[in-house]
C-alpha atoms as a PDB file:
ATOM      1  CA  MET A   1       0.013   0.043   0.028  1.00  0.00           C
ATOM      2  CA  ARG A   2       2.794   2.323   0.855  1.00  0.00           C
ATOM      3  CA  CYS A   3       4.492   1.604  -2.474  1.00  0.00           C
ATOM      4  CA  ILE A   4       1.376   2.554  -4.328  1.00  0.00           C
ATOM      5  CA  THR A   5       1.163   5.805  -2.365  1.00  0.00           C
ATOM      6  CA  LEU A   6       4.754   6.644  -3.236  1.00  0.00           C
ATOM      7  CA  VAL A   7       4.297   5.863  -6.946  1.00  0.00           C
ATOM      8  CA  ALA A   8       1.208   7.976  -7.033  1.00  0.00           C
ATOM      9  CA  ALA A   9       2.872  10.864  -5.380  1.00  0.00           C
ATOM     10  CA  GLY A  10       5.843  10.642  -7.822  1.00  0.00           C
ATOM     11  CA  ALA A  11       3.528  10.612 -10.736  1.00  0.00           C
ATOM     12  CA  TRP A  12       1.691  13.666  -9.433  1.00  0.00           C
ATOM     13  CA  LEU A  13       4.997  15.468  -8.831  1.00  0.00           C
ATOM     14  CA  SER A  14       6.238  14.652 -12.358  1.00  0.00           C
ATOM     15  CA  ALA A  15       3.080  15.873 -13.875  1.00  0.00           C
ATOM     16  CA  SER A  16       3.382  19.113 -11.920  1.00  0.00           C
ATOM     17  CA  LEU A  17       6.871  19.662 -12.996  1.00  0.00           C
ATOM     18  CA  ILE A  18       5.966  19.113 -16.596  1.00  0.00           C
ATOM     19  CA  ALA A  19       3.028  21.485 -16.411  1.00  0.00           C
ATOM     20  CA  CYS A  20       5.288  24.193 -14.851  1.00  0.00           C
ATOM     21  CA  SER A  21       7.884  23.740 -17.517  1.00  0.00           C
ATOM     22  CA  SER A  22       5.382  23.982 -20.235  1.00  0.00           C
ATOM     23  CA  ASP A  23       3.914  27.182 -18.773  1.00  0.00           C
ATOM     24  CA  ALA A  24       7.483  28.669 -18.237  1.00  0.00           C
ATOM     25  CA  ASP A  25       8.186  28.188 -21.839  1.00  0.00           C
ATOM     26  CA  LYS A  26       5.349  30.298 -22.941  1.00  0.00           C
ATOM     27  CA  LYS A  27       6.235  34.014 -23.361  1.00  0.00           C
ATOM     28  CA  ALA A  28       4.176  36.199 -21.123  1.00  0.00           C
ATOM     29  CA  VAL A  29       1.761  38.563 -22.850  1.00  0.00           C
ATOM     30  CA  PRO A  30       1.671  41.955 -21.117  1.00  0.00           C
ATOM     31  CA  THR A  31      -1.594  43.931 -21.486  1.00  0.00           C
ATOM     32  CA  ALA A  32      -0.401  47.338 -20.411  1.00  0.00           C
ATOM     33  CA  ALA A  33       2.509  49.629 -21.060  1.00  0.00           C
ATOM     34  CA  PRO A  34       5.280  49.581 -18.391  1.00  0.00           C
ATOM     35  CA  GLU A  35       5.435  52.521 -16.041  1.00  0.00           C
ATOM     36  CA  PHE A  36       8.153  54.926 -17.045  1.00  0.00           C
ATOM     37  CA  LEU A  37      10.369  57.128 -14.901  1.00  0.00           C
ATOM     38  CA  ASP A  38       9.734  60.844 -14.992  1.00  0.00           C
ATOM     39  CA  ASN A  39      11.400  62.644 -17.907  1.00  0.00           C
ATOM     40  CA  PRO A  40      11.458  66.485 -17.667  1.00  0.00           C
ATOM     41  CA  LEU A  41      11.345  66.737 -21.564  1.00  0.00           C
ATOM     42  CA  THR A  42       8.026  64.975 -21.576  1.00  0.00           C
ATOM     43  CA  ARG A  43       6.276  66.913 -18.773  1.00  0.00           C
ATOM     44  CA  ARG A  44       3.039  68.775 -19.361  1.00  0.00           C
ATOM     45  CA  GLY A  45       3.912  72.382 -20.405  1.00  0.00           C
ATOM     46  CA  GLY A  46       7.458  71.364 -21.573  1.00  0.00           C
ATOM     47  CA  PRO A  47       8.970  72.211 -25.012  1.00  0.00           C
ATOM     48  CA  PHE A  48       7.374  69.279 -26.847  1.00  0.00           C
ATOM     49  CA  ARG A  49       3.691  68.556 -27.915  1.00  0.00           C
ATOM     50  CA  MET A  50       2.960  65.001 -26.798  1.00  0.00           C
ATOM     51  CA  GLN A  51      -0.155  64.770 -28.984  1.00  0.00           C
ATOM     52  CA  TRP A  52       1.728  65.754 -32.102  1.00  0.00           C
ATOM     53  CA  ALA A  53       1.249  62.391 -33.892  1.00  0.00           C
ATOM     54  CA  MET A  54      -2.368  62.030 -32.878  1.00  0.00           C
ATOM     55  CA  ASN A  55      -3.477  64.181 -35.930  1.00  0.00           C
ATOM     56  CA  PRO A  56      -6.016  62.382 -38.266  1.00  0.00           C
ATOM     57  CA  LEU A  57      -3.418  62.767 -41.058  1.00  0.00           C
ATOM     58  CA  TRP A  58      -1.678  59.597 -39.899  1.00  0.00           C
ATOM     59  CA  GLU A  59      -4.953  57.572 -40.075  1.00  0.00           C
ATOM     60  CA  ASP A  60      -5.118  57.620 -43.797  1.00  0.00           C
ATOM     61  CA  GLY A  61      -3.403  54.254 -44.177  1.00  0.00           C
ATOM     62  CA  LYS A  62      -0.425  55.753 -46.064  1.00  0.00           C
ATOM     63  CA  ALA A  63       3.156  56.491 -45.328  1.00  0.00           C
ATOM     64  CA  GLU A  64       5.044  59.733 -45.613  1.00  0.00           C
ATOM     65  CA  VAL A  65       7.914  59.024 -47.955  1.00  0.00           C
ATOM     66  CA  ALA A  66      10.453  61.958 -48.105  1.00  0.00           C
ATOM     67  CA  THR A  67      13.426  61.864 -50.296  1.00  0.00           C
ATOM     68  CA  TYR A  68      16.549  63.985 -49.702  1.00  0.00           C
ATOM     69  CA  ASP A  69      19.652  64.909 -51.679  1.00  0.00           C
ATOM     70  CA  ALA A  70      22.223  63.994 -49.130  1.00  0.00           C
ATOM     71  CA  GLU A  71      25.983  64.246 -48.307  1.00  0.00           C
ATOM     72  CA  ARG A  72      28.022  62.210 -45.888  1.00  0.00           C
ATOM     73  CA  VAL A  73      31.851  62.133 -45.503  1.00  0.00           C
ATOM     74  CA  ILE A  74      33.342  58.608 -45.941  1.00  0.00           C
ATOM     75  CA  TYR A  75      36.996  58.069 -46.207  1.00  0.00           C
ATOM     76  CA  GLY A  76      37.588  61.759 -45.855  1.00  0.00           C
ATOM     77  CA  GLU A  77      35.502  62.650 -48.894  1.00  0.00           C
ATOM     78  CA  PRO A  78      31.896  63.988 -49.148  1.00  0.00           C
ATOM     79  CA  ARG A  79      29.705  61.457 -50.850  1.00  0.00           C
ATOM     80  CA  ARG A  80      26.403  62.407 -52.576  1.00  0.00           C
ATOM     81  CA  PHE A  81      23.452  60.040 -52.535  1.00  0.00           C
ATOM     82  CA  GLN A  82      19.677  59.778 -51.991  1.00  0.00           C
ATOM     83  CA  TYR A  83      18.344  59.521 -48.476  1.00  0.00           C
ATOM     84  CA  THR A  84      14.898  58.245 -47.804  1.00  0.00           C
ATOM     85  CA  LEU A  85      12.944  58.973 -44.707  1.00  0.00           C
ATOM     86  CA  ILE A  86       9.641  57.043 -44.147  1.00  0.00           C
ATOM     87  CA  THR A  87       7.120  57.903 -41.465  1.00  0.00           C
ATOM     88  CA  VAL A  88       3.974  55.725 -40.874  1.00  0.00           C
ATOM     89  CA  LYS A  89       1.607  54.731 -38.145  1.00  0.00           C
ATOM     90  CA  GLU A  90       1.636  51.011 -37.246  1.00  0.00           C
ATOM     91  CA  GLU A  91       0.224  48.623 -34.546  1.00  0.00           C
ATOM     92  CA  PHE A  92       2.547  46.790 -32.225  1.00  0.00           C
ATOM     93  CA  ASN A  93       1.949  44.018 -29.788  1.00  0.00           C
ATOM     94  CA  TYR A  94       3.622  43.848 -26.418  1.00  0.00           C
ATOM     95  CA  GLN A  95       4.516  40.164 -26.538  1.00  0.00           C
ATOM     96  CA  TYR A  96       7.070  40.415 -29.428  1.00  0.00           C
ATOM     97  CA  ASN A  97       7.372  44.301 -29.521  1.00  0.00           C
ATOM     98  CA  VAL A  98       6.808  44.247 -33.439  1.00  0.00           C
ATOM     99  CA  LYS A  99       4.259  45.161 -35.945  1.00  0.00           C
ATOM    100  CA  THR A 100       1.198  42.857 -35.062  1.00  0.00           C
ATOM    101  CA  ASP A 101      -0.371  40.506 -37.669  1.00  0.00           C
ATOM    102  CA  ASN A 102      -3.440  39.942 -35.474  1.00  0.00           C
ATOM    103  CA  TYR A 103      -5.451  43.071 -34.749  1.00  0.00           C
ATOM    104  CA  GLN A 104      -7.803  41.204 -32.393  1.00  0.00           C
ATOM    105  CA  ARG A 105      -5.020  40.700 -29.783  1.00  0.00           C
ATOM    106  CA  LYS A 106      -5.510  42.362 -26.351  1.00  0.00           C
ATOM    107  CA  ASP A 107      -1.927  43.672 -26.168  1.00  0.00           C
ATOM    108  CA  VAL A 108      -1.927  45.901 -29.306  1.00  0.00           C
ATOM    109  CA  PHE A 109      -0.781  49.557 -29.196  1.00  0.00           C
ATOM    110  CA  PRO A 110      -0.049  52.278 -31.795  1.00  0.00           C
ATOM    111  CA  VAL A 111       3.333  53.395 -32.715  1.00  0.00           C
ATOM    112  CA  MET A 112       4.947  55.743 -35.174  1.00  0.00           C
ATOM    113  CA  LYS A 113       7.692  54.084 -37.303  1.00  0.00           C
ATOM    114  CA  VAL A 114      10.515  56.100 -38.874  1.00  0.00           C
ATOM    115  CA  ASN A 115      12.778  54.343 -41.371  1.00  0.00           C
ATOM    116  CA  GLN A 116      15.948  55.835 -42.552  1.00  0.00           C
ATOM    117  CA  PHE A 117      17.595  54.341 -45.495  1.00  0.00           C
ATOM    118  CA  CYS A 118      20.526  55.089 -47.865  1.00  0.00           C
ATOM    119  CA  SER A 119      23.106  53.494 -50.037  1.00  0.00           C
ATOM    120  CA  ILE A 120      26.287  55.424 -50.421  1.00  0.00           C
ATOM    121  CA  ALA A 121      28.727  54.654 -53.251  1.00  0.00           C
ATOM    122  CA  THR A 122      32.535  55.074 -52.507  1.00  0.00           C
ATOM    123  CA  ASN A 123      35.555  54.353 -54.860  1.00  0.00           C
ATOM    124  CA  ASN A 124      35.776  50.642 -53.857  1.00  0.00           C
ATOM    125  CA  TYR A 125      32.500  49.433 -52.623  1.00  0.00           C
ATOM    126  CA  PRO A 126      29.065  50.826 -51.383  1.00  0.00           C
ATOM    127  CA  TYR A 127      27.791  51.403 -47.929  1.00  0.00           C
ATOM    128  CA  HIS A 128      24.169  50.575 -46.970  1.00  0.00           C
ATOM    129  CA  PHE A 129      22.520  51.898 -43.871  1.00  0.00           C
ATOM    130  CA  LEU A 130      19.023  51.222 -42.519  1.00  0.00           C
ATOM    131  CA  THR A 131      17.701  52.613 -39.216  1.00  0.00           C
ATOM    132  CA  SER A 132      14.236  51.856 -37.877  1.00  0.00           C
ATOM    133  CA  LEU A 133      12.905  53.992 -34.980  1.00  0.00           C
ATOM    134  CA  PHE A 134       9.610  53.370 -33.088  1.00  0.00           C
ATOM    135  CA  PHE A 135       7.697  55.759 -30.813  1.00  0.00           C
ATOM    136  CA  ARG A 136       4.429  55.233 -29.060  1.00  0.00           C
ATOM    137  CA  ARG A 137       2.093  57.357 -30.983  1.00  0.00           C
ATOM    138  CA  ASP A 138       1.372  59.719 -27.997  1.00  0.00           C
ATOM    139  CA  GLN A 139       5.064  59.878 -27.016  1.00  0.00           C
ATOM    140  CA  PRO A 140       7.133  61.489 -29.804  1.00  0.00           C
ATOM    141  CA  VAL A 141       9.987  62.307 -27.403  1.00  0.00           C
ATOM    142  CA  GLN A 142      10.634  59.028 -25.565  1.00  0.00           C
ATOM    143  CA  LEU A 143      12.140  56.378 -27.940  1.00  0.00           C
ATOM    144  CA  HIS A 144      10.482  53.061 -27.779  1.00  0.00           C
ATOM    145  CA  LYS A 145      12.731  51.025 -29.923  1.00  0.00           C
ATOM    146  CA  LEU A 146      15.647  51.438 -32.417  1.00  0.00           C
ATOM    147  CA  THR A 147      17.335  48.993 -34.660  1.00  0.00           C
ATOM    148  CA  THR A 148      20.131  49.982 -37.066  1.00  0.00           C
ATOM    149  CA  SER A 149      22.354  47.958 -39.399  1.00  0.00           C
ATOM    150  CA  SER A 150      25.190  48.780 -41.790  1.00  0.00           C
ATOM    151  CA  GLN A 151      26.691  46.564 -44.542  1.00  0.00           C
ATOM    152  CA  GLU A 152      29.663  47.019 -46.648  1.00  0.00           C
ATOM    153  CA  TRP A 153      32.483  44.746 -47.929  1.00  0.00           C
ATOM    154  CA  CYS A 154      34.472  44.898 -44.660  1.00  0.00           C
ATOM    155  CA  GLY A 155      31.450  43.426 -42.702  1.00  0.00           C
ATOM    156  CA  ASN A 156      28.224  44.233 -41.123  1.00  0.00           C
ATOM    157  CA  THR A 157      27.203  45.720 -37.834  1.00  0.00           C
ATOM    158  CA  PHE A 158      23.855  45.623 -35.960  1.00  0.00           C
ATOM    159  CA  LYS A 159      22.545  47.648 -33.037  1.00  0.00           C
ATOM    160  CA  ALA A 160      19.233  47.467 -31.194  1.00  0.00           C
ATOM    161  CA  ILE A 161      17.990  49.709 -28.443  1.00  0.00           C
ATOM    162  CA  THR A 162      14.789  48.848 -26.361  1.00  0.00           C
ATOM    163  CA  ASP A 163      13.137  50.656 -23.542  1.00  0.00           C
ATOM    164  CA  ASP A 164      12.350  48.542 -20.377  1.00  0.00           C
ATOM    165  CA  GLY A 165      10.694  51.492 -18.620  1.00  0.00           C
ATOM    166  CA  LEU A 166      13.702  52.069 -16.338  1.00  0.00           C
ATOM    167  CA  GLN A 167      16.518  52.329 -18.679  1.00  0.00           C
ATOM    168  CA  TYR A 168      17.503  51.603 -22.333  1.00  0.00           C
ATOM    169  CA  GLN A 169      19.166  48.285 -23.219  1.00  0.00           C
ATOM    170  CA  GLN A 170      21.542  48.203 -26.111  1.00  0.00           C
ATOM    171  CA  GLN A 171      22.442  44.905 -27.863  1.00  0.00           C
ATOM    172  CA  TYR A 172      25.176  45.081 -30.593  1.00  0.00           C
ATOM    173  CA  ASN A 173      27.131  42.899 -32.861  1.00  0.00           C
ATOM    174  CA  SER A 174      30.015  44.570 -34.568  1.00  0.00           C
ATOM    175  CA  TYR A 175      32.684  43.330 -36.854  1.00  0.00           C
ATOM    176  CA  TRP A 176      35.333  45.703 -35.356  1.00  0.00           C
ATOM    177  CA  ASP A 177      38.091  44.373 -33.007  1.00  0.00           C
ATOM    178  CA  GLY A 178      37.534  45.446 -29.448  1.00  0.00           C
ATOM    179  CA  GLN A 179      33.721  45.588 -29.888  1.00  0.00           C
ATOM    180  CA  GLY A 180      32.291  42.189 -31.151  1.00  0.00           C
ATOM    181  CA  ALA A 181      29.082  41.322 -29.560  1.00  0.00           C
ATOM    182  CA  GLY A 182      27.621  42.469 -26.179  1.00  0.00           C
ATOM    183  CA  GLN A 183      24.970  44.353 -24.275  1.00  0.00           C
ATOM    184  CA  ARG A 184      24.955  47.584 -22.176  1.00  0.00           C
ATOM    185  CA  ALA A 185      22.467  49.715 -20.250  1.00  0.00           C
ATOM    186  CA  LEU A 186      21.902  53.316 -21.340  1.00  0.00           C
ATOM    187  CA  ARG A 187      20.283  56.286 -19.622  1.00  0.00           C
ATOM    188  CA  HIS A 188      16.506  56.593 -19.975  1.00  0.00           C
ATOM    189  CA  ASP A 189      15.794  60.321 -19.709  1.00  0.00           C
ATOM    190  CA  VAL A 190      17.544  61.146 -23.046  1.00  0.00           C
ATOM    191  CA  LEU A 191      17.106  61.904 -26.655  1.00  0.00           C
ATOM    192  CA  PHE A 192      18.902  60.168 -29.577  1.00  0.00           C
ATOM    193  CA  GLU A 193      20.548  61.993 -32.352  1.00  0.00           C
ATOM    194  CA  ASP A 194      19.144  59.510 -34.845  1.00  0.00           C
ATOM    195  CA  ALA A 195      15.642  60.435 -33.707  1.00  0.00           C
ATOM    196  CA  LEU A 196      15.948  64.128 -33.817  1.00  0.00           C
ATOM    197  CA  SER A 197      14.491  64.357 -37.438  1.00  0.00           C
ATOM    198  CA  TYR A 198      11.230  63.040 -35.983  1.00  0.00           C
ATOM    199  CA  THR A 199      11.195  64.137 -32.336  1.00  0.00           C
ATOM    200  CA  LEU A 200      12.020  67.850 -33.073  1.00  0.00           C
ATOM    201  CA  ARG A 201       8.779  67.976 -35.377  1.00  0.00           C
ATOM    202  CA  SER A 202       6.782  67.891 -32.128  1.00  0.00           C
ATOM    203  CA  LEU A 203       8.414  71.039 -30.627  1.00  0.00           C
ATOM    204  CA  ARG A 204       6.175  74.008 -29.542  1.00  0.00           C
ATOM    205  CA  PHE A 205       7.786  76.088 -32.311  1.00  0.00           C
ATOM    206  CA  GLU A 206       5.650  79.113 -31.824  1.00  0.00           C
ATOM    207  CA  GLU A 207       6.964  79.508 -28.294  1.00  0.00           C
ATOM    208  CA  GLN A 208      10.651  79.344 -29.673  1.00  0.00           C
ATOM    209  CA  PRO A 209      11.846  77.284 -26.666  1.00  0.00           C
ATOM    210  CA  ALA A 210      15.556  77.066 -25.737  1.00  0.00           C
ATOM    211  CA  PHE A 211      16.577  74.216 -23.322  1.00  0.00           C
ATOM    212  CA  GLU A 212      19.064  71.762 -22.408  1.00  0.00           C
ATOM    213  CA  ALA A 213      18.751  67.963 -23.214  1.00  0.00           C
ATOM    214  CA  PRO A 214      20.985  64.956 -22.902  1.00  0.00           C
ATOM    215  CA  VAL A 215      21.604  63.471 -26.427  1.00  0.00           C
ATOM    216  CA  TYR A 216      23.211  60.120 -27.328  1.00  0.00           C
ATOM    217  CA  GLU A 217      25.409  60.328 -30.396  1.00  0.00           C
ATOM    218  CA  LEU A 218      24.527  58.894 -33.802  1.00  0.00           C
ATOM    219  CA  GLN A 219      24.025  55.148 -34.012  1.00  0.00           C
ATOM    220  CA  GLN A 220      23.786  54.936 -37.904  1.00  0.00           C
ATOM    221  CA  THR A 221      27.395  53.954 -38.124  1.00  0.00           C
ATOM    222  CA  SER A 222      29.474  50.718 -38.644  1.00  0.00           C
ATOM    223  CA  LYS A 223      30.914  50.748 -35.181  1.00  0.00           C
ATOM    224  CA  ALA A 224      29.413  50.020 -31.715  1.00  0.00           C
ATOM    225  CA  PRO A 225      31.372  51.699 -29.058  1.00  0.00           C
ATOM    226  CA  VAL A 226      29.892  53.011 -25.868  1.00  0.00           C
ATOM    227  CA  PRO A 227      27.794  55.877 -27.248  1.00  0.00           C
ATOM    228  CA  ALA A 228      28.900  59.425 -26.206  1.00  0.00           C
ATOM    229  CA  LEU A 229      26.298  61.370 -24.213  1.00  0.00           C
ATOM    230  CA  TYR A 230      26.185  65.086 -24.971  1.00  0.00           C
ATOM    231  CA  LYS A 231      24.667  67.780 -22.838  1.00  0.00           C
ATOM    232  CA  ALA A 232      23.079  69.526 -25.846  1.00  0.00           C
ATOM    233  CA  GLN A 233      21.672  73.018 -25.986  1.00  0.00           C
ATOM    234  CA  VAL A 234      18.567  73.284 -28.198  1.00  0.00           C
ATOM    235  CA  LYS A 235      17.198  76.525 -29.578  1.00  0.00           C
ATOM    236  CA  VAL A 236      14.287  77.373 -31.754  1.00  0.00           C
ATOM    237  CA  GLU A 237      13.973  80.518 -33.967  1.00  0.00           C
ATOM    238  CA  ASP A 238      12.538  81.764 -37.242  1.00  0.00           C
ATOM    239  CA  ALA A 239      14.361  80.627 -40.211  1.00  0.00           C
ATOM    240  CA  LEU A 240      15.757  83.148 -42.670  1.00  0.00           C
ATOM    241  CA  THR A 241      13.643  83.307 -45.887  1.00  0.00           C
ATOM    242  CA  ALA A 242      16.628  82.382 -48.137  1.00  0.00           C
ATOM    243  CA  ASP A 243      17.226  79.090 -46.029  1.00  0.00           C
ATOM    244  CA  THR A 244      14.335  77.162 -47.339  1.00  0.00           C
ATOM    245  CA  LYS A 245      11.744  77.229 -50.137  1.00  0.00           C
ATOM    246  CA  GLU A 246       8.831  77.536 -47.625  1.00  0.00           C
ATOM    247  CA  PRO A 247       8.325  79.243 -44.145  1.00  0.00           C
ATOM    248  CA  ALA A 248      10.327  77.274 -41.718  1.00  0.00           C
ATOM    249  CA  TRP A 249      11.528  76.984 -38.106  1.00  0.00           C
ATOM    250  CA  ARG A 250      15.230  76.744 -37.505  1.00  0.00           C
ATOM    251  CA  VAL A 251      16.353  74.343 -34.675  1.00  0.00           C
ATOM    252  CA  ARG A 252      19.948  74.466 -33.545  1.00  0.00           C
ATOM    253  CA  VAL A 253      21.218  71.560 -31.547  1.00  0.00           C
ATOM    254  CA  ALA A 254      24.628  72.274 -30.052  1.00  0.00           C
ATOM    255  CA  LEU A 255      26.029  68.946 -28.930  1.00  0.00           C
ATOM    256  CA  THR A 256      29.135  70.815 -27.881  1.00  0.00           C
ATOM    257  CA  ASP A 257      30.620  74.185 -28.845  1.00  0.00           C
ATOM    258  CA  GLN A 258      32.397  72.504 -31.836  1.00  0.00           C
ATOM    259  CA  LYS A 259      29.588  70.071 -32.764  1.00  0.00           C
ATOM    260  CA  GLN A 260      26.486  71.783 -33.920  1.00  0.00           C
ATOM    261  CA  ASN A 261      23.650  70.487 -35.949  1.00  0.00           C
ATOM    262  CA  VAL A 262      20.954  72.604 -37.530  1.00  0.00           C
ATOM    263  CA  TYR A 263      17.488  71.404 -38.680  1.00  0.00           C
ATOM    264  CA  TRP A 264      14.865  73.273 -40.610  1.00  0.00           C
ATOM    265  CA  PHE A 265      11.132  72.223 -40.235  1.00  0.00           C
ATOM    266  CA  ALA A 266       8.226  73.446 -42.228  1.00  0.00           C
ATOM    267  CA  LYS A 267       5.866  75.736 -40.189  1.00  0.00           C
ATOM    268  CA  ALA A 268       2.870  74.004 -41.510  1.00  0.00           C
ATOM    269  CA  TYR A 269       1.820  70.553 -40.067  1.00  0.00           C
ATOM    270  CA  PRO A 270       3.166  67.941 -40.216  1.00  0.00           C
ATOM    271  CA  ASN A 271       6.361  70.115 -39.822  1.00  0.00           C
ATOM    272  CA  LEU A 272       8.434  68.165 -42.358  1.00  0.00           C
ATOM    273  CA  LEU A 273      12.167  68.235 -42.194  1.00  0.00           C
ATOM    274  CA  LEU A 274      13.179  70.588 -45.131  1.00  0.00           C
ATOM    275  CA  ARG A 275      16.838  70.707 -44.615  1.00  0.00           C
ATOM    276  CA  GLN A 276      19.601  69.502 -42.109  1.00  0.00           C
ATOM    277  CA  THR A 277      23.383  70.358 -41.634  1.00  0.00           C
ATOM    278  CA  SER A 278      25.625  68.467 -39.263  1.00  0.00           C
ATOM    279  CA  TRP A 279      28.933  69.038 -37.684  1.00  0.00           C
ATOM    280  CA  ASP A 280      30.439  65.860 -39.204  1.00  0.00           C
ATOM    281  CA  GLY A 281      29.325  66.535 -42.846  1.00  0.00           C
ATOM    282  CA  ARG A 282      25.948  64.761 -42.948  1.00  0.00           C
ATOM    283  CA  ASN A 283      23.722  67.173 -44.822  1.00  0.00           C
ATOM    284  CA  LEU A 284      20.148  66.846 -46.267  1.00  0.00           C
ATOM    285  CA  TRP A 285      18.075  68.911 -48.692  1.00  0.00           C
ATOM    286  CA  LEU A 286      14.391  67.725 -49.264  1.00  0.00           C
ATOM    287  CA  LYS A 287      13.886  66.707 -52.815  1.00  0.00           C
ATOM    288  CA  ASP A 288      10.303  65.539 -52.748  1.00  0.00           C
ATOM    289  CA  VAL A 289       7.638  64.007 -50.507  1.00  0.00           C
ATOM    290  CA  LYS A 290       4.683  61.744 -51.217  1.00  0.00           C
ATOM    291  CA  ARG A 291       2.105  59.948 -49.211  1.00  0.00           C
ATOM    292  CA  TYR A 292       1.298  56.403 -50.444  1.00  0.00           C
ATOM    293  CA  ALA A 293       1.231  52.763 -49.447  1.00  0.00           C
ATOM    294  CA  TYR A 294       4.606  51.498 -50.497  1.00  0.00           C
ATOM    295  CA  TRP A 295       3.964  47.981 -49.336  1.00  0.00           C
ATOM    296  CA  PRO A 296       2.209  45.311 -51.438  1.00  0.00           C
ATOM    297  CA  GLN A 297      -1.462  44.704 -50.832  1.00  0.00           C
ATOM    298  CA  THR A 298      -2.261  41.658 -52.957  1.00  0.00           C
ATOM    299  CA  THR A 299      -3.203  39.108 -50.283  1.00  0.00           C
ATOM    300  CA  PRO A 300      -6.890  38.488 -49.006  1.00  0.00           C
ATOM    301  CA  ALA A 301      -5.540  39.185 -45.558  1.00  0.00           C
ATOM    302  CA  ALA A 302      -4.439  42.533 -46.681  1.00  0.00           C
ATOM    303  CA  ALA A 303      -7.830  43.343 -48.147  1.00  0.00           C
ATOM    304  CA  THR A 304      -9.652  42.668 -44.797  1.00  0.00           C
ATOM    305  CA  ALA A 305      -7.134  44.269 -42.517  1.00  0.00           C
ATOM    306  CA  PRO A 306      -7.396  47.868 -41.264  1.00  0.00           C
ATOM    307  CA  ALA A 307      -6.327  50.571 -43.702  1.00  0.00           C
ATOM    308  CA  ASP A 308      -2.936  51.014 -42.025  1.00  0.00           C
ATOM    309  CA  SER A 309      -2.185  47.324 -41.572  1.00  0.00           C
ATOM    310  CA  ALA A 310      -0.551  46.103 -44.837  1.00  0.00           C
ATOM    311  CA  THR A 311       0.973  42.615 -44.865  1.00  0.00           C
ATOM    312  CA  ALA A 312       4.514  44.071 -44.626  1.00  0.00           C
ATOM    313  CA  LYS A 313       5.713  47.647 -44.187  1.00  0.00           C
END
């Protein structure tokens, strides 16, 4: 009788362990956003409009595709190329932190995606860069997620930055000696230089604010060192008539006294980036802008999904 009891107990324990293991293997599905630490840049009455991307414009199921004539210094020489900046609303899910395929999920939330792409020819081989930035739709200042990659004949480098609510986590894989693969924590109450072409669009331009902000250096590079953190000075003013083809605001971002970037944004909503000059020779001039669905919509699923939910974008 005692043996039977022990066998039964053992069977029950094994079943319990199997059940626990099975449950542990399932990825948890959060249903609410994490609580964020206070950021002075996002406080009510601050220099940014948190509702900037809530405009109905972004509900039309199309992407804003802006093309720029661009320059960037590589191997000591300015290279000319085309730079594409894509801004579009998407729906993410919390479980995988990517664009969702199932819009009936309970963990779906809206984001604004900003893609930055370019291919740069040099004398020996081309450079390719693609950066994807994601912001919660009601949070144009606090970066939600960033991925960036570079490819050229010497190798490829990938970096990802995600927000855990307390700090940013950066994963990287670089082909450069002394870097390799790894992970590091970054400050949370910051801006990213890569994101300024989007984040600065949400400024309260009419008030012409001037303020200080911590800014991490550009991540759209082939290297993955510990990113420099600048104590930048940001100032908004009216642009000169000769600066741009339409009325614009001029935003100066002084990373240091010697490293100053200038951005020109249209005064009319959606405050498109018209021009940019950077201390390291990265320059942009708007060539044209269009709103259209650049992704294929030929599958039955695409026909029944919401207007902004193409099969891939």
